[in-house]
Amino acid sequence: MTSRLRELIQQLGEAIHESVIESEQIAGVVQDIRKHGFDVLLMLEATIGLNEVSGKNSDAAQSDEGAGDEVGSFTQNDLHFLRSLRISVEGEPDEPPTDVK
């Protein structure tokens, strides 16, 4: 990954962070929770996935990418994400869940 791409991903993370901390709606709900006697610790996790596309055929490349590695209409990235949420997909080979302790 190039340093420019890393920088752009970092900027995206910072933009997401700024959006959350500047949200009046989030601030209002946090304030309401504090009024009920609780302190709030908000931790968000964002996963950023990148798929490289080439020039004119970017739409075709996205639809064809990983065509051999699909289950139904899900790519391997989709399946990995669903597995991380402990959601199984019919037709997907069974994998033992990985518990992180």
N, C-alpha and C. Protein backbone atom coordinates (compact mmCIF):
# COMPACT_ATOMS: atom_id res chain seq x y z
N MET A 1 0.86 -1.17 0.00
CA MET A 1 0.00 0.00 0.00
C MET A 1 0.91 1.23 0.00
N THR A 2 0.56 2.18 -0.84
CA THR A 2 1.39 3.37 -0.94
C THR A 2 1.17 4.28 0.26
N SER A 3 2.14 5.14 0.49
CA SER A 3 2.03 6.07 1.63
C SER A 3 0.87 7.03 1.41
N ARG A 4 0.60 7.41 0.15
CA ARG A 4 -0.53 8.31 -0.13
C ARG A 4 -1.86 7.63 0.20
N LEU A 5 -1.97 6.35 -0.13
CA LEU A 5 -3.19 5.61 0.18
C LEU A 5 -3.37 5.48 1.69
N ARG A 6 -2.28 5.20 2.40
CA ARG A 6 -2.35 5.14 3.87
C ARG A 6 -2.81 6.47 4.45
N GLU A 7 -2.28 7.54 3.88
CA GLU A 7 -2.66 8.88 4.34
C GLU A 7 -4.15 9.13 4.11
N LEU A 8 -4.65 8.72 2.95
CA LEU A 8 -6.08 8.91 2.65
C LEU A 8 -6.96 8.08 3.59
N ILE A 9 -6.54 6.86 3.89
CA ILE A 9 -7.30 6.03 4.82
C ILE A 9 -7.30 6.65 6.20
N GLN A 10 -6.16 7.19 6.61
CA GLN A 10 -6.08 7.87 7.91
C GLN A 10 -7.01 9.08 7.92
N GLN A 11 -7.04 9.84 6.82
CA GLN A 11 -7.93 11.00 6.73
C GLN A 11 -9.40 10.57 6.82
N LEU A 12 -9.72 9.43 6.21
CA LEU A 12 -11.09 8.92 6.30
C LEU A 12 -11.44 8.58 7.74
N GLY A 13 -10.52 7.93 8.45
CA GLY A 13 -10.75 7.61 9.86
C GLY A 13 -10.95 8.87 10.70
N GLU A 14 -10.13 9.88 10.43
CA GLU A 14 -10.26 11.14 11.16
C GLU A 14 -11.60 11.83 10.84
N ALA A 15 -12.03 11.76 9.59
CA ALA A 15 -13.30 12.36 9.19
C ALA A 15 -14.47 11.67 9.89
N ILE A 16 -14.40 10.34 9.99
CA ILE A 16 -15.44 9.59 10.70
C ILE A 16 -15.46 9.99 12.17
N HIS A 17 -14.27 10.07 12.77
CA HIS A 17 -14.15 10.47 14.18
C HIS A 17 -14.75 11.86 14.40
N GLU A 18 -14.40 12.80 13.54
CA GLU A 18 -14.92 14.17 13.66
C GLU A 18 -16.43 14.19 13.52
N SER A 19 -16.97 13.40 12.60
CA SER A 19 -18.41 13.35 12.41
C SER A 19 -19.13 12.90 13.67
N VAL A 20 -18.54 11.91 14.33
CA VAL A 20 -19.16 11.38 15.55
C VAL A 20 -19.08 12.40 16.68
N ILE A 21 -17.91 12.98 16.90
CA ILE A 21 -17.78 13.88 18.05
C ILE A 21 -18.51 15.20 17.84
N GLU A 22 -18.78 15.58 16.58
CA GLU A 22 -19.48 16.82 16.31
C GLU A 22 -20.99 16.63 16.13
N SER A 23 -21.46 15.40 16.24
CA SER A 23 -22.88 15.12 16.04
C SER A 23 -23.70 15.64 17.22
N GLU A 24 -24.62 16.54 16.94
CA GLU A 24 -25.49 17.06 17.99
C GLU A 24 -26.42 15.98 18.50
N GLN A 25 -26.85 15.08 17.61
CA GLN A 25 -27.74 14.00 18.01
C GLN A 25 -27.04 13.06 19.00
N ILE A 26 -25.81 12.68 18.69
CA ILE A 26 -25.07 11.81 19.60
C ILE A 26 -24.82 12.53 20.93
N ALA A 27 -24.42 13.78 20.88
CA ALA A 27 -24.17 14.54 22.10
C ALA A 27 -25.43 14.63 22.96
N GLY A 28 -26.57 14.81 22.33
CA GLY A 28 -27.83 14.89 23.06
C GLY A 28 -28.18 13.59 23.76
N VAL A 29 -28.01 12.48 23.08
CA VAL A 29 -28.31 11.18 23.68
C VAL A 29 -27.34 10.89 24.81
N VAL A 30 -26.06 11.19 24.61
CA VAL A 30 -25.07 10.98 25.67
C VAL A 30 -25.44 11.82 26.90
N GLN A 31 -25.85 13.05 26.67
CA GLN A 31 -26.25 13.92 27.77
C GLN A 31 -27.47 13.35 28.51
N ASP A 32 -28.43 12.81 27.76
CA ASP A 32 -29.60 12.19 28.39
C ASP A 32 -29.21 10.99 29.24
N ILE A 33 -28.28 10.19 28.75
CA ILE A 33 -27.81 9.03 29.51
C ILE A 33 -27.13 9.49 30.79
N ARG A 34 -26.33 10.54 30.71
CA ARG A 34 -25.65 11.06 31.90
C ARG A 34 -26.65 11.59 32.92
N LYS A 35 -27.75 12.17 32.44
CA LYS A 35 -28.79 12.66 33.35
C LYS A 35 -29.42 11.52 34.14
N HIS A 36 -29.36 10.31 33.58
CA HIS A 36 -29.89 9.14 34.27
C HIS A 36 -28.85 8.49 35.18
N GLY A 37 -27.72 9.16 35.37
CA GLY A 37 -26.72 8.69 36.33
C GLY A 37 -25.67 7.75 35.79
N PHE A 38 -25.48 7.72 34.50
CA PHE A 38 -24.48 6.84 33.91
C PHE A 38 -23.45 7.66 33.16
N ASP A 39 -22.20 7.17 33.22
CA ASP A 39 -21.15 7.76 32.39
C ASP A 39 -21.13 6.97 31.08
N VAL A 40 -20.71 7.60 30.03
CA VAL A 40 -20.75 6.97 28.72
C VAL A 40 -19.34 6.85 28.16
N LEU A 41 -19.01 5.65 27.73
CA LEU A 41 -17.78 5.39 27.00
C LEU A 41 -18.21 4.85 25.65
N LEU A 42 -17.97 5.59 24.61
CA LEU A 42 -18.38 5.21 23.27
C LEU A 42 -17.17 4.76 22.48
N MET A 43 -17.18 3.51 22.06
CA MET A 43 -16.09 2.97 21.26
C MET A 43 -16.69 2.43 19.97
N LEU A 44 -16.20 2.92 18.87
CA LEU A 44 -16.67 2.47 17.57
C LEU A 44 -15.53 1.81 16.83
N GLU A 45 -15.86 0.80 16.06
CA GLU A 45 -14.85 0.14 15.23
C GLU A 45 -15.29 0.27 13.78
N ALA A 46 -14.39 0.71 12.96
CA ALA A 46 -14.70 0.82 11.53
C ALA A 46 -13.75 -0.08 10.76
N THR A 47 -14.30 -0.80 9.82
CA THR A 47 -13.50 -1.61 8.94
C THR A 47 -13.57 -0.99 7.56
N ILE A 48 -12.43 -0.69 7.00
CA ILE A 48 -12.37 -0.07 5.69
C ILE A 48 -11.82 -1.10 4.72
N GLY A 49 -12.61 -1.45 3.73
CA GLY A 49 -12.17 -2.42 2.73
C GLY A 49 -11.90 -1.72 1.41
N LEU A 50 -10.83 -2.09 0.78
CA LEU A 50 -10.47 -1.50 -0.50
C LEU A 50 -10.38 -2.60 -1.55
N ASN A 51 -10.98 -2.36 -2.70
CA ASN A 51 -10.85 -3.25 -3.84
C ASN A 51 -10.30 -2.43 -4.99
N GLU A 52 -9.16 -2.83 -5.50
CA GLU A 52 -8.53 -2.10 -6.59
C GLU A 52 -9.31 -2.34 -7.88
N VAL A 53 -9.60 -1.25 -8.59
CA VAL A 53 -10.29 -1.34 -9.87
C VAL A 53 -9.40 -0.73 -10.94
N SER A 54 -9.60 -1.17 -12.19
CA SER A 54 -8.74 -0.67 -13.25
C SER A 54 -9.54 0.11 -14.27
N GLY A 55 -9.14 1.33 -14.51
CA GLY A 55 -9.63 2.23 -15.55
C GLY A 55 -11.07 2.12 -15.96
N LYS A 56 -11.31 1.95 -17.29
CA LYS A 56 -12.65 1.97 -17.86
C LYS A 56 -13.52 0.84 -17.35
N ASN A 57 -12.93 -0.29 -17.05
CA ASN A 57 -13.70 -1.47 -16.69
C ASN A 57 -13.95 -1.57 -15.19
N SER A 58 -13.98 -0.45 -14.49
CA SER A 58 -14.11 -0.51 -13.03
C SER A 58 -15.41 -1.17 -12.61
N ASP A 59 -16.52 -0.88 -13.28
CA ASP A 59 -17.79 -1.52 -12.91
C ASP A 59 -17.74 -3.01 -13.20
N ALA A 60 -17.21 -3.37 -14.36
CA ALA A 60 -17.11 -4.78 -14.71
C ALA A 60 -16.16 -5.50 -13.76
N ALA A 61 -15.07 -4.84 -13.40
CA ALA A 61 -14.10 -5.47 -12.50
C ALA A 61 -14.71 -5.71 -11.14
N GLN A 62 -15.54 -4.78 -10.67
CA GLN A 62 -16.17 -4.97 -9.37
C GLN A 62 -17.13 -6.14 -9.40
N SER A 63 -17.89 -6.28 -10.48
CA SER A 63 -18.86 -7.37 -10.53
C SER A 63 -18.17 -8.70 -10.80
N ASP A 64 -17.04 -8.71 -11.52
CA ASP A 64 -16.35 -9.95 -11.83
C ASP A 64 -15.34 -10.33 -10.78
N GLU A 65 -14.94 -9.40 -9.92
CA GLU A 65 -13.87 -9.63 -8.96
C GLU A 65 -14.24 -10.76 -8.02
N GLY A 66 -13.35 -11.73 -7.94
CA GLY A 66 -13.57 -12.84 -7.03
C GLY A 66 -14.73 -13.73 -7.44
N ALA A 67 -15.11 -13.72 -8.72
CA ALA A 67 -16.27 -14.49 -9.16
C ALA A 67 -16.13 -15.96 -8.79
N GLY A 68 -14.92 -16.48 -8.82
CA GLY A 68 -14.72 -17.87 -8.47
C GLY A 68 -14.78 -18.11 -6.98
N ASP A 69 -14.69 -17.07 -6.19
CA ASP A 69 -14.68 -17.20 -4.74
C ASP A 69 -15.98 -16.73 -4.11
N GLU A 70 -17.09 -16.86 -4.82
CA GLU A 70 -18.36 -16.37 -4.30
C GLU A 70 -19.24 -17.52 -3.87
N VAL A 71 -20.08 -17.25 -2.89
CA VAL A 71 -21.14 -18.14 -2.47
C VAL A 71 -22.42 -17.38 -2.74
N GLY A 72 -23.22 -17.86 -3.68
CA GLY A 72 -24.40 -17.10 -4.07
C GLY A 72 -23.95 -15.79 -4.65
N SER A 73 -24.44 -14.69 -4.10
CA SER A 73 -24.04 -13.38 -4.58
C SER A 73 -23.09 -12.68 -3.61
N PHE A 74 -22.50 -13.43 -2.68
CA PHE A 74 -21.60 -12.85 -1.70
C PHE A 74 -20.15 -13.09 -2.08
N THR A 75 -19.32 -12.06 -1.97
CA THR A 75 -17.88 -12.21 -2.18
C THR A 75 -17.26 -12.73 -0.89
N GLN A 76 -15.99 -13.10 -0.97
CA GLN A 76 -15.29 -13.55 0.23
C GLN A 76 -15.24 -12.45 1.28
N ASN A 77 -15.12 -11.18 0.85
CA ASN A 77 -15.13 -10.06 1.80
C ASN A 77 -16.48 -9.99 2.51
N ASP A 78 -17.58 -10.17 1.75
CA ASP A 78 -18.91 -10.16 2.35
C ASP A 78 -19.03 -11.27 3.39
N LEU A 79 -18.59 -12.48 3.00
CA LEU A 79 -18.69 -13.62 3.91
C LEU A 79 -17.87 -13.41 5.17
N HIS A 80 -16.67 -12.85 5.02
CA HIS A 80 -15.82 -12.57 6.19
C HIS A 80 -16.52 -11.59 7.13
N PHE A 81 -17.12 -10.55 6.56
CA PHE A 81 -17.83 -9.56 7.38
C PHE A 81 -19.01 -10.21 8.10
N LEU A 82 -19.80 -11.00 7.37
CA LEU A 82 -20.94 -11.66 8.00
C LEU A 82 -20.49 -12.61 9.09
N ARG A 83 -19.40 -13.36 8.85
CA ARG A 83 -18.87 -14.26 9.88
C ARG A 83 -18.45 -13.50 11.12
N SER A 84 -17.87 -12.28 10.91
CA SER A 84 -17.44 -11.50 12.07
C SER A 84 -18.62 -11.08 12.94
N LEU A 85 -19.81 -11.04 12.34
CA LEU A 85 -21.04 -10.73 13.08
C LEU A 85 -21.75 -12.00 13.55
N ARG A 86 -21.07 -13.14 13.34
CA ARG A 86 -21.60 -14.46 13.69
C ARG A 86 -22.89 -14.76 12.92
N ILE A 87 -22.89 -14.40 11.64
CA ILE A 87 -24.00 -14.69 10.74
C ILE A 87 -23.50 -15.70 9.73
N SER A 88 -24.22 -16.82 9.61
CA SER A 88 -23.82 -17.82 8.63
C SER A 88 -24.68 -17.69 7.38
N VAL A 89 -24.13 -18.16 6.27
CA VAL A 89 -24.81 -18.06 4.99
C VAL A 89 -25.00 -19.47 4.46
N GLU A 90 -26.23 -19.78 4.01
CA GLU A 90 -26.50 -21.10 3.46
C GLU A 90 -25.60 -21.35 2.26
N GLY A 91 -25.00 -22.53 2.22
CA GLY A 91 -24.10 -22.87 1.12
C GLY A 91 -22.65 -22.54 1.41
N GLU A 92 -22.40 -21.83 2.49
CA GLU A 92 -21.03 -21.48 2.87
C GLU A 92 -20.43 -22.66 3.61
N PRO A 93 -19.18 -23.02 3.30
CA PRO A 93 -18.54 -24.09 4.06
C PRO A 93 -18.48 -23.71 5.53
N ASP A 94 -18.81 -24.68 6.40
CA ASP A 94 -18.79 -24.41 7.84
C ASP A 94 -17.38 -24.16 8.30
N GLU A 95 -17.21 -23.07 9.05
CA GLU A 95 -15.92 -22.76 9.66
C GLU A 95 -16.14 -22.63 11.14
N PRO A 96 -15.27 -23.18 11.94
CA PRO A 96 -15.43 -23.01 13.39
C PRO A 96 -15.26 -21.54 13.75
N PRO A 97 -16.10 -21.03 14.67
CA PRO A 97 -15.95 -19.63 15.07
C PRO A 97 -14.63 -19.42 15.77
N THR A 98 -14.05 -18.28 15.53
CA THR A 98 -12.80 -17.95 16.20
C THR A 98 -13.10 -17.00 17.33
N ASP A 99 -12.90 -17.46 18.54
CA ASP A 99 -13.13 -16.63 19.72
C ASP A 99 -11.84 -15.96 20.11
N VAL A 100 -11.88 -14.66 20.28
CA VAL A 100 -10.71 -13.91 20.71
C VAL A 100 -10.88 -13.62 22.19
N LYS A 101 -9.91 -14.02 22.97
CA LYS A 101 -10.01 -13.79 24.42
C LYS A 101 -8.96 -12.83 24.86
